[in-house]
């Protein structure tokens, strides 16, 4: 699914090897009382009194990244052979490679190498953004950036990124590619929980808020243990400063995953990521992509289709991925659907925080394994526990009503027999 983007281009280029990525800030403009750069990638505002940002934090940690030579990465991929190609991103191909450890000792390390297409300033800007963000961010559910290569030579610019190698590709592959084994229910829940924890860290775990801006199944990579890690931070940016409600920026992202309020206004908040997460929750439940044009028209757009099968309705089970073959908890599935609905609320401020979403998912998983649903997790509308309790109460009331009716009939029958005997005695 393609990204939609509106960008400025830079006509100037410098030559030579770069020891650290740089991106010059462009002219500033004010929109909706929020000052921001027109390129809208690194700073959340142009205020001189702003808190320490990613670029400042990166300066402290830049030395942790390894600077590779172009020839080193070319050799690691056998000349960027098509046989080594393992993926293709929005602005470059990804290859599997093998590099020597930084100290030169030990066995070669398997890595993923993304090579930027030479398409001008915008690709370079995303490359710089990814280096700076992943050079700062460290979390078990974020992919690890090992280093980079930046060379401006006679043959043009060369921009490459070197990541840890993720052996099990992406969640997208396992959910939608029929060549892969079916992803079990419990594994799906563990993967989406890890992804939620990664997003919660970006939103609330740092001194500066980070908005991911491109959450989707293809950006959730899986390691050898199917542990999820968010990748591709080329569209990430800092959140609004304290006291600001949003960042005004050009609209970027992927059709089917970007929040409608962000598309309409260009106002970016962490709740934009929450919307995207809600879409993926429904993809986890249904095994369908957010947009599938090969289906009947009424089923092509996932979010419109699932509205016909509310979480508390008897028809809800019809949306579940048939490949699961009923090997899942219906109670947990309903709760996840209600959680997804809360993430997809029209008003951004009414959506939950990612920390709340992660806590709820964790509780759902725990309850599913213990068989004792919780009454404390965040949910938008109701709770299966309350529904089940209501059903039990209705059953009890029905039983009591039946007993009262039977007692009344017994009393009436005794009264009838008694009166009948008296009439016989009188005769």
Protein backbone atom coordinates (compact mmCIF):
# COMPACT_ATOMS: atom_id res chain seq x y z
CA UNK A 1 0.00 0.00 0.00
CA UNK A 2 1.52 3.26 -1.13
CA UNK A 3 2.34 6.28 0.99
CA UNK A 4 0.88 9.67 0.15
CA UNK A 5 3.30 12.54 0.62
CA UNK A 6 3.66 16.24 -0.14
CA UNK A 7 7.19 17.54 0.19
CA UNK A 8 9.67 20.26 -0.67
CA UNK A 9 12.84 19.45 -2.53
CA UNK A 10 16.37 20.73 -2.03
CA UNK A 11 18.48 21.60 -5.07
CA UNK A 12 21.79 21.90 -3.24
CA UNK A 13 24.06 18.93 -2.46
CA UNK A 14 27.42 18.70 -0.82
CA UNK A 15 30.08 16.18 -1.68
CA UNK A 16 32.32 13.97 0.38
CA UNK A 17 32.02 11.47 3.20
CA UNK A 18 29.80 12.59 6.09
CA UNK A 19 30.78 11.56 9.59
CA UNK A 20 27.38 12.41 11.01
CA UNK A 21 24.01 13.00 9.33
CA UNK A 22 22.83 16.59 9.11
CA UNK A 23 19.68 18.23 7.86
CA UNK A 24 19.59 21.99 7.53
CA UNK A 25 16.37 23.55 8.80
CA UNK A 26 14.41 25.43 6.21
CA UNK A 27 12.32 28.60 6.49
CA UNK A 28 9.66 28.76 9.16
CA UNK A 29 5.97 29.41 8.93
CA UNK A 30 3.20 29.77 11.49
CA UNK A 31 0.06 27.73 11.21
CA UNK A 32 -2.78 27.61 13.75
CA UNK A 33 -0.67 29.41 16.36
CA UNK A 34 1.90 26.64 16.12
CA UNK A 35 5.30 27.54 14.69
CA UNK A 36 7.00 24.79 12.75
CA UNK A 37 9.48 24.20 9.95
CA UNK A 38 8.13 23.82 6.45
CA UNK A 39 9.90 20.50 6.06
CA UNK A 40 8.26 19.39 9.30
CA UNK A 41 10.61 16.53 10.06
CA UNK A 42 12.97 17.20 12.94
CA UNK A 43 11.73 19.95 15.23
CA UNK A 44 8.27 20.12 16.74
CA UNK A 45 8.47 23.92 16.71
CA UNK A 46 10.81 26.78 16.03
CA UNK A 47 10.60 28.26 19.51
CA UNK A 48 13.94 29.24 20.93
CA UNK A 49 12.72 28.15 24.33
CA UNK A 50 11.74 24.64 23.23
CA UNK A 51 12.75 21.60 25.26
CA UNK A 52 15.69 19.48 24.19
CA UNK A 53 14.79 17.77 20.94
CA UNK A 54 15.84 14.64 19.10
CA UNK A 55 18.66 16.41 17.25
CA UNK A 56 20.20 17.56 20.54
CA UNK A 57 19.76 14.12 22.08
CA UNK A 58 21.32 12.57 18.98
CA UNK A 59 24.49 14.61 19.41
CA UNK A 60 25.07 12.81 22.71
CA UNK A 61 24.60 9.33 21.23
CA UNK A 62 25.87 9.67 17.66
CA UNK A 63 29.14 7.99 18.63
CA UNK A 64 27.24 4.76 19.34
CA UNK A 65 26.45 4.35 15.65
CA UNK A 66 28.98 2.73 13.37
CA UNK A 67 29.98 4.61 10.21
CA UNK A 68 30.41 2.18 7.29
CA UNK A 69 32.20 2.74 4.02
CA UNK A 70 30.22 2.18 0.83
CA UNK A 71 32.60 -0.54 -0.34
CA UNK A 72 32.16 -2.36 2.97
CA UNK A 73 28.38 -2.55 2.52
CA UNK A 74 28.67 -3.33 -1.18
CA UNK A 75 30.86 -6.32 -0.35
CA UNK A 76 28.46 -7.36 2.45
CA UNK A 77 25.64 -7.71 -0.10
CA UNK A 78 27.69 -9.14 -2.99
CA UNK A 79 27.35 -5.91 -4.93
CA UNK A 80 23.72 -5.40 -3.84
CA UNK A 81 22.80 -8.56 -5.64
CA UNK A 82 19.14 -9.20 -6.37
CA UNK A 83 19.63 -12.58 -4.68
CA UNK A 84 20.30 -10.72 -1.42
CA UNK A 85 17.26 -8.45 -1.72
CA UNK A 86 14.75 -9.12 1.07
CA UNK A 87 12.41 -6.15 0.81
CA UNK A 88 11.51 -2.82 -0.71
CA UNK A 89 10.59 0.35 1.16
CA UNK A 90 9.12 3.65 0.12
CA UNK A 91 12.52 5.08 -0.78
CA UNK A 92 14.90 2.15 -1.16
CA UNK A 93 15.60 -1.56 -1.38
CA UNK A 94 16.56 -3.69 1.61
CA UNK A 95 19.25 -6.38 1.39
CA UNK A 96 20.48 -9.06 3.71
CA UNK A 97 24.18 -8.73 4.38
CA UNK A 98 26.97 -9.98 6.58
CA UNK A 99 29.43 -7.67 8.35
CA UNK A 100 32.33 -8.09 10.72
CA UNK A 101 31.83 -7.12 14.37
CA UNK A 102 32.93 -3.59 15.25
CA UNK A 103 36.03 -4.89 17.04
CA UNK A 104 36.89 -7.14 14.09
CA UNK A 105 36.74 -10.27 16.22
CA UNK A 106 34.25 -13.13 16.16
CA UNK A 107 31.86 -14.44 13.54
CA UNK A 108 30.23 -12.19 10.93
CA UNK A 109 26.89 -10.64 11.91
CA UNK A 110 23.75 -10.91 9.77
CA UNK A 111 22.28 -7.46 9.10
CA UNK A 112 19.63 -5.75 7.00
CA UNK A 113 20.95 -2.96 4.76
CA UNK A 114 18.59 -0.35 3.31
CA UNK A 115 19.93 1.45 0.26
CA UNK A 116 18.38 4.80 -0.57
CA UNK A 117 17.20 5.43 -4.11
CA UNK A 118 18.96 8.48 -5.53
CA UNK A 119 15.79 10.54 -5.87
CA UNK A 120 16.86 13.84 -4.30
CA UNK A 121 16.40 15.73 -1.08
CA UNK A 122 13.23 14.07 0.22
CA UNK A 123 14.78 10.61 0.43
CA UNK A 124 17.82 12.10 2.12
CA UNK A 125 15.58 13.86 4.62
CA UNK A 126 13.82 10.64 5.59
CA UNK A 127 17.20 8.94 5.85
CA UNK A 128 18.47 11.65 8.22
CA UNK A 129 15.28 11.45 10.28
CA UNK A 130 15.65 7.71 10.69
CA UNK A 131 19.30 7.97 11.69
CA UNK A 132 18.59 10.64 14.28
CA UNK A 133 15.53 8.98 15.81
CA UNK A 134 16.90 5.42 15.90
CA UNK A 135 20.24 6.79 17.05
CA UNK A 136 18.44 7.99 20.18
CA UNK A 137 15.60 5.52 20.72
CA UNK A 138 16.26 2.26 22.56
CA UNK A 139 13.47 -0.17 23.45
CA UNK A 140 12.92 -3.94 23.13
CA UNK A 141 10.09 -3.28 20.68
CA UNK A 142 11.99 -0.92 18.36
CA UNK A 143 14.36 -2.20 15.69
CA UNK A 144 18.01 -1.47 16.42
CA UNK A 145 20.03 0.72 14.06
CA UNK A 146 23.66 -0.39 13.99
CA UNK A 147 25.08 2.27 11.72
CA UNK A 148 24.95 4.10 8.41
CA UNK A 149 26.86 5.15 5.31
CA UNK A 150 26.75 8.61 3.71
CA UNK A 151 28.92 9.32 0.67
CA UNK A 152 28.60 12.04 -1.97
CA UNK A 153 30.78 11.06 -4.92
CA UNK A 154 31.08 11.40 -8.65
CA UNK A 155 28.43 8.70 -9.10
CA UNK A 156 25.95 10.64 -6.96
CA UNK A 157 24.83 10.40 -3.36
CA UNK A 158 24.91 7.10 -1.47
CA UNK A 159 22.77 6.81 1.67
CA UNK A 160 22.51 3.48 3.49
CA UNK A 161 21.24 2.27 6.86
CA UNK A 162 22.36 -0.89 8.65
CA UNK A 163 19.91 -2.59 11.05
CA UNK A 164 19.78 -5.74 13.11
CA UNK A 165 18.46 -8.58 10.95
CA UNK A 166 14.88 -9.67 11.67
CA UNK A 167 14.58 -13.29 10.59
CA UNK A 168 10.79 -13.61 10.45
CA UNK A 169 10.11 -10.62 8.21
CA UNK A 170 6.94 -8.67 9.05
CA UNK A 171 3.55 -9.08 10.66
CA UNK A 172 2.11 -8.25 7.24
CA UNK A 173 3.74 -11.37 5.77
CA UNK A 174 2.42 -13.67 8.49
CA UNK A 175 -1.12 -12.25 8.51
CA UNK A 176 -1.80 -11.90 4.80
CA UNK A 177 0.62 -14.10 2.85
CA UNK A 178 -1.00 -17.50 2.40
CA UNK A 179 2.45 -19.05 1.86
CA UNK A 180 3.10 -18.63 5.60
CA UNK A 181 1.59 -20.86 8.30
CA UNK A 182 -1.45 -19.45 10.06
CA UNK A 183 -0.46 -17.09 12.87
CA UNK A 184 -2.05 -18.57 16.04
CA UNK A 185 -4.41 -16.46 18.16
CA UNK A 186 -2.16 -16.19 21.22
CA UNK A 187 0.83 -15.27 19.04
CA UNK A 188 -1.19 -12.52 17.38
CA UNK A 189 -2.04 -11.06 20.77
CA UNK A 190 1.56 -11.16 21.97
CA UNK A 191 2.76 -9.46 18.78
CA UNK A 192 0.18 -6.66 18.91
CA UNK A 193 0.87 -6.15 22.63
CA UNK A 194 4.59 -5.69 21.93
CA UNK A 195 3.78 -3.22 19.15
CA UNK A 196 1.51 -1.29 21.53
CA UNK A 197 4.28 -1.14 24.12
CA UNK A 198 6.67 0.20 21.48
CA UNK A 199 4.25 2.98 20.54
CA UNK A 200 3.55 3.77 24.20
CA UNK A 201 7.29 4.21 24.73
CA UNK A 202 7.50 6.65 21.82
CA UNK A 203 4.55 8.67 23.09
CA UNK A 204 5.23 8.68 26.83
CA UNK A 205 8.59 7.10 27.64
CA UNK A 206 10.98 9.87 26.61
CA UNK A 207 11.67 13.47 27.56
CA UNK A 208 10.37 14.40 24.11
CA UNK A 209 7.28 12.85 22.55
CA UNK A 210 7.76 10.96 19.28
CA UNK A 211 4.90 10.46 16.83
CA UNK A 212 5.53 7.45 14.61
CA UNK A 213 3.18 8.48 11.79
CA UNK A 214 3.32 5.24 9.81
CA UNK A 215 2.08 2.39 11.98
CA UNK A 216 1.00 -0.59 9.86
CA UNK A 217 1.60 -4.35 9.75
CA UNK A 218 4.46 -4.12 7.24
CA UNK A 219 6.39 -1.89 9.66
CA UNK A 220 6.11 -4.41 12.51
CA UNK A 221 9.10 -6.72 12.06
CA UNK A 222 9.48 -10.07 13.83
CA UNK A 223 12.67 -11.63 15.19
CA UNK A 224 13.49 -15.32 15.46
CA UNK A 225 11.11 -15.64 18.43
CA UNK A 226 8.34 -13.66 16.68
CA UNK A 227 8.97 -10.75 19.02
CA UNK A 228 7.75 -7.54 17.35
CA UNK A 229 9.85 -4.45 16.68
CA UNK A 230 8.74 -1.23 15.02
CA UNK A 231 10.83 -0.25 12.00
CA UNK A 232 11.05 2.47 9.35
CA UNK A 233 11.19 5.79 11.21
CA UNK A 234 11.58 7.94 8.11
CA UNK A 235 8.24 9.69 8.72
CA UNK A 236 8.58 10.02 12.51
CA UNK A 237 8.65 13.44 14.09
CA UNK A 238 8.56 15.13 17.46
CA UNK A 239 5.23 15.82 19.12
CA UNK A 240 3.94 19.24 20.16
CA UNK A 241 5.65 21.30 22.82
CA UNK A 242 4.18 21.59 26.28
CA UNK A 243 1.06 23.73 26.12
CA UNK A 244 0.45 22.95 22.44
CA UNK A 245 -2.26 20.54 21.32
CA UNK A 246 -0.81 19.48 17.98
CA UNK A 247 1.86 19.90 15.36
CA UNK A 248 0.86 21.39 12.00
CA UNK A 249 2.60 19.51 9.24
CA UNK A 250 2.30 18.19 5.72
CA UNK A 251 0.14 15.07 5.55
CA UNK A 252 2.15 11.86 5.09
CA UNK A 253 1.45 8.23 5.81
CA UNK A 254 -0.28 5.26 4.20
CA UNK A 255 -3.80 5.12 2.81
CA UNK A 256 -6.08 3.12 5.07
CA UNK A 257 -4.03 3.78 8.20
CA UNK A 258 -3.80 7.58 8.55
CA UNK A 259 -6.32 9.19 10.92
CA UNK A 260 -9.04 11.14 9.06
CA UNK A 261 -8.69 14.19 11.33
CA UNK A 262 -4.98 14.36 10.47
CA UNK A 263 -5.68 14.02 6.74
CA UNK A 264 -8.33 16.77 6.84
CA UNK A 265 -6.46 19.32 8.97
CA UNK A 266 -2.76 18.44 8.97
CA UNK A 267 -2.93 18.54 12.78
CA UNK A 268 -0.69 15.75 14.03
CA UNK A 269 -0.94 14.29 17.55
CA UNK A 270 -0.04 11.04 19.25
CA UNK A 271 -3.71 10.07 18.87
CA UNK A 272 -3.05 9.87 15.12
CA UNK A 273 -0.92 6.80 15.87
CA UNK A 274 -3.72 5.45 18.08
CA UNK A 275 -6.11 5.52 15.12
CA UNK A 276 -3.62 3.55 13.01
CA UNK A 277 -3.30 1.04 15.82
CA UNK A 278 -7.08 0.58 15.87
CA UNK A 279 -6.99 -0.31 12.17
CA UNK A 280 -4.31 -2.95 12.79
CA UNK A 281 -6.31 -4.41 15.69
CA UNK A 282 -9.12 -5.17 13.25
CA UNK A 283 -6.61 -6.62 10.79
CA UNK A 284 -5.43 -8.95 13.58
CA UNK A 285 -9.02 -10.08 14.21
CA UNK A 286 -10.13 -10.48 10.62
CA UNK A 287 -7.00 -11.47 8.74
CA UNK A 288 -7.93 -8.79 6.18
CA UNK A 289 -6.02 -5.71 5.04
CA UNK A 290 -7.46 -2.26 5.64
CA UNK A 291 -8.16 -2.04 1.91
CA UNK A 292 -8.70 -5.03 -0.41
CA UNK A 293 -9.97 -4.05 -3.85
CA UNK A 294 -10.35 -7.65 -4.99
CA UNK A 295 -13.33 -8.16 -2.65
CA UNK A 296 -16.99 -7.23 -3.26
CA UNK A 297 -17.47 -3.47 -3.03
CA UNK A 298 -19.16 -3.56 0.38
CA UNK A 299 -16.20 -5.51 1.80
CA UNK A 300 -13.28 -3.60 0.27
CA UNK A 301 -12.82 -1.08 3.11
CA UNK A 302 -12.24 -2.99 6.33
CA UNK A 303 -13.52 -0.36 8.77
CA UNK A 304 -16.78 0.09 6.87
CA UNK A 305 -17.31 -3.66 6.61
CA UNK A 306 -16.79 -4.45 10.30
CA UNK A 307 -19.38 -1.83 11.30
CA UNK A 308 -22.02 -4.33 10.18
CA UNK A 309 -20.88 -6.73 12.92
CA UNK A 310 -20.72 -4.85 16.26
CA UNK A 311 -18.68 -6.40 19.06
CA UNK A 312 -21.75 -7.12 21.21
CA UNK A 313 -23.87 -8.55 18.41
CA UNK A 314 -24.56 -12.19 17.64
CA UNK A 315 -23.10 -11.62 14.15
CA UNK A 316 -19.70 -10.50 15.49
CA UNK A 317 -18.08 -13.90 14.92
CA UNK A 318 -18.55 -13.49 11.17
CA UNK A 319 -15.64 -11.02 10.98
CA UNK A 320 -13.12 -13.38 12.58
CA UNK A 321 -10.28 -14.75 10.46
CA UNK A 322 -11.54 -18.12 9.14
CA UNK A 323 -7.94 -19.40 9.06
CA UNK A 324 -8.05 -19.47 12.88
CA UNK A 325 -10.66 -22.27 12.59
CA UNK A 326 -12.40 -21.08 15.78
CA UNK A 327 -9.22 -21.52 17.81
CA UNK A 328 -9.58 -18.27 19.75
CA UNK A 329 -11.39 -16.74 22.71
CA UNK A 330 -14.63 -15.08 21.59
CA UNK A 331 -14.74 -13.07 24.80
CA UNK A 332 -11.23 -11.74 24.21
CA UNK A 333 -12.01 -11.03 20.55
CA UNK A 334 -15.05 -8.95 21.52
CA UNK A 335 -13.00 -6.96 24.02
CA UNK A 336 -10.29 -6.31 21.42
CA UNK A 337 -12.93 -5.13 18.93
CA UNK A 338 -14.31 -2.69 21.50
CA UNK A 339 -10.78 -1.50 22.21
CA UNK A 340 -10.26 -0.98 18.47
CA UNK A 341 -13.51 1.00 18.32
CA UNK A 342 -12.23 3.29 21.07
CA UNK A 343 -9.00 3.85 19.10
CA UNK A 344 -11.08 4.74 16.04
CA UNK A 345 -13.29 7.35 17.66
CA UNK A 346 -13.88 10.37 15.43
CA UNK A 347 -12.62 12.89 17.96
CA UNK A 348 -8.88 12.45 18.56
CA UNK A 349 -9.08 13.62 22.19
CA UNK A 350 -11.61 10.86 22.97
CA UNK A 351 -9.23 8.09 21.91
CA UNK A 352 -7.22 6.35 24.65
CA UNK A 353 -3.50 6.84 25.19
CA UNK A 354 -1.26 4.06 23.90
CA UNK A 355 -0.27 3.27 27.49
CA UNK A 356 -3.95 2.58 28.23
CA UNK A 357 -4.25 0.48 25.10
CA UNK A 358 -1.18 -1.58 26.07
CA UNK A 359 -2.49 -2.10 29.62
CA UNK A 360 -5.86 -3.26 28.29
CA UNK A 361 -4.29 -5.71 25.86
CA UNK A 362 -2.09 -7.07 28.63
CA UNK A 363 -5.15 -7.58 30.83
CA UNK A 364 -7.08 -9.28 28.02
CA UNK A 365 -4.20 -11.69 27.43
CA UNK A 366 -3.89 -12.42 31.14
CA UNK A 367 -7.63 -12.97 31.50
CA UNK A 368 -7.66 -15.27 28.47
CA UNK A 369 -4.97 -17.46 30.00
CA UNK A 370 -6.53 -17.47 33.48
CA UNK A 371 -10.15 -17.62 32.38
CA UNK A 372 -11.14 -14.80 34.75
CA UNK A 373 -12.05 -11.58 32.92
CA UNK A 374 -11.10 -8.31 34.60
CA UNK A 375 -13.46 -5.44 35.36
CA UNK A 376 -10.71 -2.82 35.54
CA UNK A 377 -9.30 -2.54 32.02
CA UNK A 378 -10.02 0.49 29.82
CA UNK A 379 -12.82 -0.18 27.33
CA UNK A 380 -15.03 2.22 25.45
CA UNK A 381 -18.38 0.48 25.77
CA UNK A 382 -19.17 -2.17 28.29
CA UNK A 383 -17.41 -5.36 29.27
CA UNK A 384 -18.02 -9.02 28.57
CA UNK A 385 -18.07 -9.61 32.31
CA UNK A 386 -21.03 -7.28 32.65
CA UNK A 387 -22.75 -8.92 29.69
CA UNK A 388 -22.21 -12.41 31.11
CA UNK A 389 -23.36 -11.29 34.57
CA UNK A 390 -26.46 -9.76 33.03
CA UNK A 391 -27.24 -13.02 31.25
CA UNK A 392 -26.78 -14.99 34.47
CA UNK A 393 -29.03 -12.54 36.32
CA UNK A 394 -31.69 -12.88 33.63
CA UNK A 395 -31.45 -16.65 33.96
CA UNK A 396 -31.86 -16.47 37.75
CA UNK A 397 -34.82 -14.11 37.45
CA UNK A 398 -36.42 -16.38 34.86
CA UNK A 399 -35.95 -19.36 37.18
CA UNK A 400 -37.55 -17.50 40.08
CA UNK A 401 -40.46 -16.43 37.89
CA UNK A 402 -41.00 -20.03 36.77
CA UNK A 403 -41.04 -21.23 40.39
CA UNK A 404 -43.56 -18.54 41.33
CA UNK A 405 -45.81 -19.58 38.46
CA UNK A 406 -45.57 -23.25 39.42
CA UNK A 407 -46.34 -22.44 43.05
CA UNK A 408 -49.34 -20.39 41.97
CA UNK A 409 -50.60 -23.23 39.77
CA UNK A 410 -50.13 -25.72 42.63
CA UNK A 411 -52.11 -23.49 44.99
CA UNK A 412 -54.85 -23.05 42.42
CA UNK A 413 -55.01 -26.83 41.84
CA UNK A 414 -55.28 -27.55 45.57
CA UNK A 415 -58.00 -24.92 45.86
CA UNK A 416 -59.87 -26.53 42.97
CA UNK A 417 -59.61 -30.02 44.47
CA UNK A 418 -60.71 -28.80 47.89
CA UNK A 419 -63.76 -27.03 46.52
CA UNK A 420 -64.66 -30.01 44.37
CA UNK A 421 -64.55 -32.35 47.38
CA UNK A 422 -66.84 -30.01 49.37
CA UNK A 423 -69.36 -29.94 46.56
CA UNK A 424 -69.34 -33.75 46.41
CA UNK A 425 -69.82 -33.95 50.20
CA UNK A 426 -72.79 -31.55 50.01
CA UNK A 427 -74.43 -33.69 47.35
